[in-house]
Structure formats: structure tokens, C-alpha cells
Amino acid sequence: MRTVRAVMYSITVVSLMWGAAAGSVNNEMKESEVNFTTPDGWRISGSLFIPSGAVKAPGAVFVHASRHESDAYGNINAPGIPQTLGRADTATLRIDIRGRGASREPRVFNSLAPSEREAVRIDITAAIDFLASQPGVDAGRIGIVAEQDSADAALIAAAGDRRVKAFILISGRLGAEAKAAGAASRAAVYCMASKEDRRGFRDMTDVYLASKSKASRLRIFEGLAMGTTMFSTFRFERPAERPIDEIAAEWMIERLTATAAVSRARKN
């Protein structure tokens, strides 16, 4: 056991650009509002960013918790994981899961039965397919960012998908099926939880310890609550320290970049 180290397509596209200046945000870096339909017929809405450039970009799908919406992660022009990835020429897709936000029609999430809520995993699979189908995206280098209960759906939906190379899981609540999927996967996981969140602490530790990847990481904090709230709390309480969401994003960039390097080496 290792030592603990303390997630039918239609699209409406707006012009997309990324400024390559180190540390500065290009005013033209924008997300597009997009829509796609899942295999079971639910219309999912999201915000898509694809960097400009001749080389296909890796991509990341963002899945919020069932009580949140896609803005839980901020956006491409606000400090956080999407912006950090965008600056590093990584495409991002922030979705509203079925029943929430812009995807709340025809029924809101709270009205769904438990078995119907499990279909969030279908939303995630469809989001991966949608992002991977974009001309500017490298379909073989996808990451998933998921929080709380949606981390369970993300692992079940994507841990066995060879296109998915890395997960960032925030205060994840995982059942046995999700833990088994994570243990069987070769994708790296970056697990985050606050110490007082005992469920998140336990489940994030379990999936980290079961990971096959040496690149997997576990970060445990104290007093930061749970989910994406951890990011804003950390920034407010510890302004002199590097934001924990940016550190997690840089880890994902490294993982998706390393995947590309391995692929090139095999071709040569």
C-alpha cells in the first residue's frame, strides 16, 4: 500500500481564441454555449472553449455536483481550473447535468427518482463523445473534473474509457461500483478532500490507494468544507499561498501532456 501524498449532437459555436502570453489572459478567450443530446434523449447544455492553433488540443469535461450548476467551476476568464487549462491550450467543456441549470428541461433534478439520477453517467459519456468529436480536440487526451456525488457517476462512466487519461475528484462520494471502476482503470486520479468531510476523506483515500497510476495524488486539507467551495475558501483564507485549484489543473495539464509524449515516442 502506498504512502498517502498530503468526468445526435448539435452545436451553436461562437469564435474561440486563446492568448499564449504566459500568465496573462487574452480578452478574446471565450466560451461558446453548446447543446447536445444524450442517447436517451436528454438535451444537455454546456460551455465550450477550444484554443486556436494548428495542433489538436487535449480536453477536459467538468461535471458539477447535483446541487450545483456548471458555474461551480467559474469560467474561462475567471481564476480557477478552466482558466488554467485554457491558458495551457486545453479545451474545456463545462456541462449542466440533466435536471440542473440550462439542462433542467423537461424535469428538474429534484423530481427525478434515484434510478433516474443515475443517468448522469450517460450525460458524462455523451459529453466526452461531444468534446472528442470537435475538430480542434485530440480525442485520445481527455480529462474529467468532477465533485461530490457526480464523482461517482464520472468514474463509472469514464474510468474504462481509453480516451480519458486523468481525473480530478473533489470531495467525491463513491459507491462500490465507482471504486471498482477506479481501481481497474489506468487513468491517473488527483483526489481532494477536507479532513472534517469524513465521507469525502474516506472515499478519496480509497480511490487513490487503489489507483494503478504512479502519477495519482491525494491532497487532504482542513477547514475548507467540500466540493468546489474548497477553492474559494482557500483563496480567501490563504491569499499568500498558491491556489489549490490551479495546482490541480497544472497536474492535469502534465498528465495530458505526458500522454502525448508517450504516444509520439511509440510512433517513432
Protein backbone atom coordinates (compact mmCIF):
# COMPACT_ATOMS: atom_id res chain seq x y z
CA MET A 1 0.00 0.00 0.00
CA ARG A 2 1.43 3.34 -0.99
CA THR A 3 2.11 6.21 1.32
CA VAL A 4 -0.61 8.90 1.13
CA ARG A 5 0.66 12.06 -0.55
CA ALA A 6 -0.79 15.22 1.78
CA VAL A 7 -15.92 13.22 -15.82
CA MET A 8 -27.26 13.09 -32.17
CA TYR A 9 -25.09 16.23 -31.43
CA SER A 10 -25.93 19.87 -32.23
CA ILE A 11 -23.80 22.90 -31.53
CA THR A 12 -24.01 26.67 -31.66
CA VAL A 13 -20.48 28.00 -31.96
CA VAL A 14 -19.01 31.38 -31.12
CA SER A 15 -15.45 32.31 -32.20
CA LEU A 16 -12.82 30.89 -29.82
CA MET A 17 -9.27 32.02 -29.12
CA TRP A 18 -6.55 31.57 -26.55
CA GLY A 19 -3.73 34.02 -25.86
CA ALA A 20 -0.40 32.31 -25.35
CA ALA A 21 1.17 35.03 -23.23
CA ALA A 22 2.44 33.45 -20.01
CA GLY A 23 0.35 34.45 -17.02
CA SER A 24 -1.92 36.90 -18.88
CA VAL A 25 -5.47 36.35 -20.08
CA ASN A 26 -6.38 37.23 -23.65
CA ASN A 27 -9.58 39.31 -23.74
CA GLU A 28 -10.76 37.25 -26.72
CA MET A 29 -10.60 33.94 -24.85
CA LYS A 30 -14.26 32.95 -24.92
CA GLU A 31 -16.56 30.04 -24.32
CA SER A 32 -19.39 29.02 -26.66
CA GLU A 33 -22.81 27.97 -25.45
CA VAL A 34 -23.41 24.47 -26.82
CA ASN A 35 -26.07 21.77 -26.75
CA PHE A 36 -26.01 18.05 -27.45
CA THR A 37 -28.47 15.20 -26.96
CA THR A 38 -27.73 12.07 -24.94
CA PRO A 39 -28.55 8.59 -26.26
CA ASP A 40 -31.64 8.52 -24.02
CA GLY A 41 -32.87 11.83 -25.44
CA TRP A 42 -31.94 14.43 -22.79
CA ARG A 43 -30.76 17.79 -24.14
CA ILE A 44 -27.57 18.78 -22.30
CA SER A 45 -26.29 22.35 -22.35
CA GLY A 46 -22.76 23.48 -21.66
CA SER A 47 -19.99 26.00 -22.23
CA LEU A 48 -17.19 25.05 -24.62
CA PHE A 49 -13.74 26.53 -25.10
CA ILE A 50 -11.33 25.33 -27.78
CA PRO A 51 -7.92 27.03 -28.15
CA SER A 52 -6.84 28.13 -31.59
CA GLY A 53 -3.79 26.54 -33.15
CA ALA A 54 -2.59 24.03 -35.68
CA VAL A 55 -2.07 21.25 -33.11
CA LYS A 56 -5.10 19.45 -31.71
CA ALA A 57 -5.65 20.25 -28.05
CA PRO A 58 -6.34 17.90 -25.15
CA GLY A 59 -9.68 18.48 -23.47
CA ALA A 60 -11.41 18.35 -20.10
CA VAL A 61 -15.05 17.79 -19.17
CA PHE A 62 -16.34 19.48 -15.99
CA VAL A 63 -19.17 17.85 -14.05
CA HIS A 64 -20.72 19.69 -11.11
CA ALA A 65 -22.42 18.12 -8.08
CA SER A 66 -26.18 17.52 -8.14
CA ARG A 67 -26.88 20.61 -6.01
CA HIS A 68 -24.68 22.87 -8.13
CA GLU A 69 -24.59 24.04 -11.74
CA SER A 70 -21.81 24.40 -14.31
CA ASP A 71 -20.73 27.78 -12.92
CA ALA A 72 -19.47 25.98 -9.80
CA TYR A 73 -16.07 25.89 -11.53
CA GLY A 74 -16.17 29.50 -12.67
CA ASN A 75 -15.48 30.18 -16.35
CA ILE A 76 -12.65 30.56 -18.83
CA ASN A 77 -11.99 34.18 -17.81
CA ALA A 78 -12.16 33.74 -14.02
CA PRO A 79 -9.30 32.32 -11.93
CA GLY A 80 -9.68 28.59 -11.49
CA ILE A 81 -9.30 25.23 -13.22
CA PRO A 82 -10.98 26.16 -16.55
CA GLN A 83 -8.84 29.27 -16.96
CA THR A 84 -5.62 27.49 -16.01
CA LEU A 85 -6.34 24.76 -18.55
CA GLY A 86 -7.32 27.28 -21.21
CA ARG A 87 -4.06 29.18 -20.80
CA ALA A 88 -2.25 25.90 -21.42
CA ASP A 89 -4.05 25.24 -24.71
CA THR A 90 -6.51 22.74 -23.28
CA ALA A 91 -10.13 22.64 -24.46
CA THR A 92 -12.80 22.74 -21.75
CA LEU A 93 -16.45 21.71 -21.65
CA ARG A 94 -18.49 22.66 -18.58
CA ILE A 95 -21.87 20.93 -18.66
CA ASP A 96 -25.09 21.27 -16.72
CA ILE A 97 -26.16 17.73 -15.84
CA ARG A 98 -29.74 16.66 -16.57
CA GLY A 99 -32.26 18.48 -14.43
CA ARG A 100 -29.92 21.32 -13.46
CA GLY A 101 -29.16 24.77 -14.88
CA ALA A 102 -29.70 25.09 -18.62
CA SER A 103 -30.34 21.30 -18.81
CA ARG A 104 -33.30 21.33 -16.42
CA GLU A 105 -35.98 20.71 -19.08
CA PRO A 106 -38.18 18.71 -19.17
CA ARG A 107 -37.74 17.89 -15.45
CA VAL A 108 -35.72 19.35 -12.61
CA PHE A 109 -33.21 17.13 -10.85
CA ASN A 110 -35.08 17.05 -7.53
CA SER A 111 -38.07 15.45 -9.26
CA LEU A 112 -36.02 12.53 -10.60
CA ALA A 113 -36.16 9.15 -8.92
CA PRO A 114 -32.86 7.71 -7.64
CA SER A 115 -32.63 5.37 -10.63
CA GLU A 116 -33.18 8.31 -12.99
CA ARG A 117 -30.46 10.32 -11.28
CA GLU A 118 -28.00 7.55 -12.04
CA ALA A 119 -28.37 8.51 -15.71
CA VAL A 120 -25.98 11.43 -15.05
CA ARG A 121 -23.34 8.92 -16.12
CA ILE A 122 -24.97 8.97 -19.59
CA ASP A 123 -24.60 12.76 -19.63
CA ILE A 124 -20.89 12.37 -18.91
CA THR A 125 -20.35 9.77 -21.63
CA ALA A 126 -22.18 11.98 -24.12
CA ALA A 127 -20.10 14.99 -23.04
CA ILE A 128 -16.87 13.05 -23.65
CA ASP A 129 -18.11 11.99 -27.08
CA PHE A 130 -19.14 15.55 -27.89
CA LEU A 131 -15.84 17.10 -26.82
CA ALA A 132 -13.80 14.39 -28.55
CA SER A 133 -15.73 15.00 -31.79
CA GLN A 134 -14.63 18.64 -32.05
CA PRO A 135 -12.14 19.25 -34.90
CA GLY A 136 -9.66 21.06 -32.66
CA VAL A 137 -9.58 18.41 -29.93
CA ASP A 138 -7.31 15.38 -29.56
CA ALA A 139 -9.85 12.63 -28.82
CA GLY A 140 -7.20 10.49 -27.15
CA ARG A 141 -6.35 13.02 -24.41
CA ILE A 142 -9.39 13.77 -22.29
CA GLY A 143 -9.58 14.62 -18.59
CA ILE A 144 -12.56 14.69 -16.24
CA VAL A 145 -13.15 17.09 -13.34
CA ALA A 146 -15.99 16.06 -11.01
CA GLU A 147 -17.15 16.92 -7.49
CA GLN A 148 -19.11 15.27 -4.70
CA ASP A 149 -21.83 12.82 -5.86
CA SER A 150 -21.03 13.37 -9.54
CA ALA A 151 -17.56 11.91 -8.96
CA ASP A 152 -19.30 8.54 -8.61
CA ALA A 153 -21.01 8.92 -12.00
CA ALA A 154 -17.77 10.17 -13.57
CA LEU A 155 -15.74 7.11 -12.57
CA ILE A 156 -18.48 4.68 -13.61
CA ALA A 157 -18.92 6.43 -16.96
CA ALA A 158 -15.32 7.14 -17.85
CA ALA A 159 -12.78 5.11 -15.89
CA GLY A 160 -12.87 2.39 -18.54
CA ASP A 161 -12.74 4.84 -21.47
CA ARG A 162 -9.26 4.74 -23.02
CA ARG A 163 -9.64 8.33 -24.21
CA VAL A 164 -9.77 9.51 -20.59
CA LYS A 165 -6.30 9.84 -19.10
CA ALA A 166 -6.87 11.72 -15.85
CA PHE A 167 -9.49 12.60 -13.22
CA ILE A 168 -9.65 15.42 -10.72
CA LEU A 169 -12.09 14.33 -8.00
CA ILE A 170 -13.19 16.86 -5.39
CA SER A 171 -14.82 15.63 -2.16
CA GLY A 172 -16.08 12.60 -4.08
CA ARG A 173 -18.85 10.38 -2.74
CA LEU A 174 -18.19 6.97 -4.22
CA GLY A 175 -20.11 3.73 -4.16
CA ALA A 176 -18.64 0.26 -4.61
CA GLU A 177 -19.15 0.29 -8.39
CA ALA A 178 -17.28 3.57 -8.81
CA LYS A 179 -14.42 2.45 -6.57
CA ALA A 180 -14.10 -0.78 -8.55
CA ALA A 181 -14.07 1.19 -11.81
CA GLY A 182 -11.33 3.45 -10.48
CA ALA A 183 -9.26 0.50 -9.28
CA ALA A 184 -9.49 -1.17 -12.70
CA SER A 185 -8.53 1.97 -14.61
CA ARG A 186 -5.05 3.04 -15.70
CA ALA A 187 -6.06 6.70 -15.65
CA ALA A 188 -4.39 8.86 -13.00
CA VAL A 189 -6.52 10.41 -10.26
CA TYR A 190 -6.00 13.63 -8.31
CA CYS A 191 -8.15 13.37 -5.19
CA MET A 192 -9.00 16.28 -2.90
CA ALA A 193 -10.94 16.41 0.37
CA SER A 194 -11.14 18.36 3.59
CA LYS A 195 -10.33 16.45 6.78
CA GLU A 196 -13.63 17.20 8.51
CA ASP A 197 -15.54 15.82 5.48
CA ARG A 198 -15.16 12.22 6.65
CA ARG A 199 -17.08 10.66 3.75
CA GLY A 200 -15.02 12.55 1.19
CA PHE A 201 -11.80 11.85 3.12
CA ARG A 202 -12.52 8.11 3.15
CA ASP A 203 -13.68 7.75 -0.46
CA MET A 204 -10.91 9.90 -1.91
CA THR A 205 -8.33 7.96 0.07
CA ASP A 206 -9.80 4.65 -1.10
CA VAL A 207 -9.72 5.51 -4.80
CA TYR A 208 -6.23 6.98 -4.51
CA LEU A 209 -4.82 3.92 -2.77
CA ALA A 210 -6.42 1.62 -5.36
CA SER A 211 -5.09 3.60 -8.32
CA LYS A 212 -2.70 1.83 -10.69
CA SER A 213 -1.05 5.08 -11.77
CA LYS A 214 2.12 6.33 -10.07
CA ALA A 215 1.05 9.82 -11.11
CA SER A 216 -2.04 9.74 -8.87
CA ARG A 217 -2.16 12.19 -5.97
CA LEU A 218 -4.15 12.72 -2.77
CA ARG A 219 -4.42 16.11 -1.05
CA ILE A 220 -6.14 16.46 2.29
CA PHE A 221 -6.92 19.90 3.74
CA GLU A 222 -8.54 21.20 6.91
CA GLY A 223 -11.45 23.59 7.36
CA LEU A 224 -12.28 24.02 3.66
CA ALA A 225 -15.77 22.44 3.62
CA MET A 226 -16.38 20.37 0.49
CA GLY A 227 -16.68 20.44 -3.30
CA THR A 228 -15.70 23.49 -5.31
CA THR A 229 -16.34 25.64 -2.23
CA MET A 230 -12.90 24.47 -1.12
CA PHE A 231 -11.31 26.59 -3.85
CA SER A 232 -12.88 29.93 -2.92
CA THR A 233 -12.42 29.26 0.80
CA PHE A 234 -8.72 28.53 0.31
CA ARG A 235 -8.22 31.67 -1.80
CA PHE A 236 -9.95 33.82 0.83
CA GLU A 237 -8.25 32.34 3.88
CA ARG A 238 -4.76 31.84 2.42
CA PRO A 239 -4.20 34.60 -0.15
CA ALA A 240 -0.42 34.32 0.07
CA GLU A 241 -0.41 30.65 -1.00
CA ARG A 242 -0.80 29.14 -4.45
CA PRO A 243 -4.49 28.38 -5.14
CA ILE A 244 -5.21 24.67 -4.78
CA ASP A 245 -7.43 24.59 -7.87
CA GLU A 246 -4.62 25.93 -10.05
CA ILE A 247 -2.23 23.30 -8.66
CA ALA A 248 -4.75 20.57 -9.52
CA ALA A 249 -5.18 21.99 -13.02
CA GLU A 250 -1.43 22.02 -13.60
CA TRP A 251 -1.31 18.36 -12.57
CA MET A 252 -3.93 17.56 -15.21
CA ILE A 253 -2.01 19.52 -17.84
CA GLU A 254 1.10 17.47 -17.02
CA ARG A 255 -0.85 14.22 -17.32
CA LEU A 256 -2.39 15.10 -20.69
CA THR A 257 0.96 16.39 -21.97
CA ALA A 258 2.75 13.24 -20.79
CA THR A 259 0.19 11.16 -22.68
CA ALA A 260 1.02 12.99 -25.89
CA ALA A 261 4.76 12.46 -25.34
CA VAL A 262 4.30 8.72 -24.81
CA SER A 263 2.16 8.49 -27.95
CA ARG A 264 4.81 10.26 -30.05
CA ALA A 265 7.55 8.03 -28.66
CA ARG A 266 5.61 4.90 -29.62
CA LYS A 267 5.08 6.20 -33.15
CA ASN A 268 8.80 6.84 -33.54
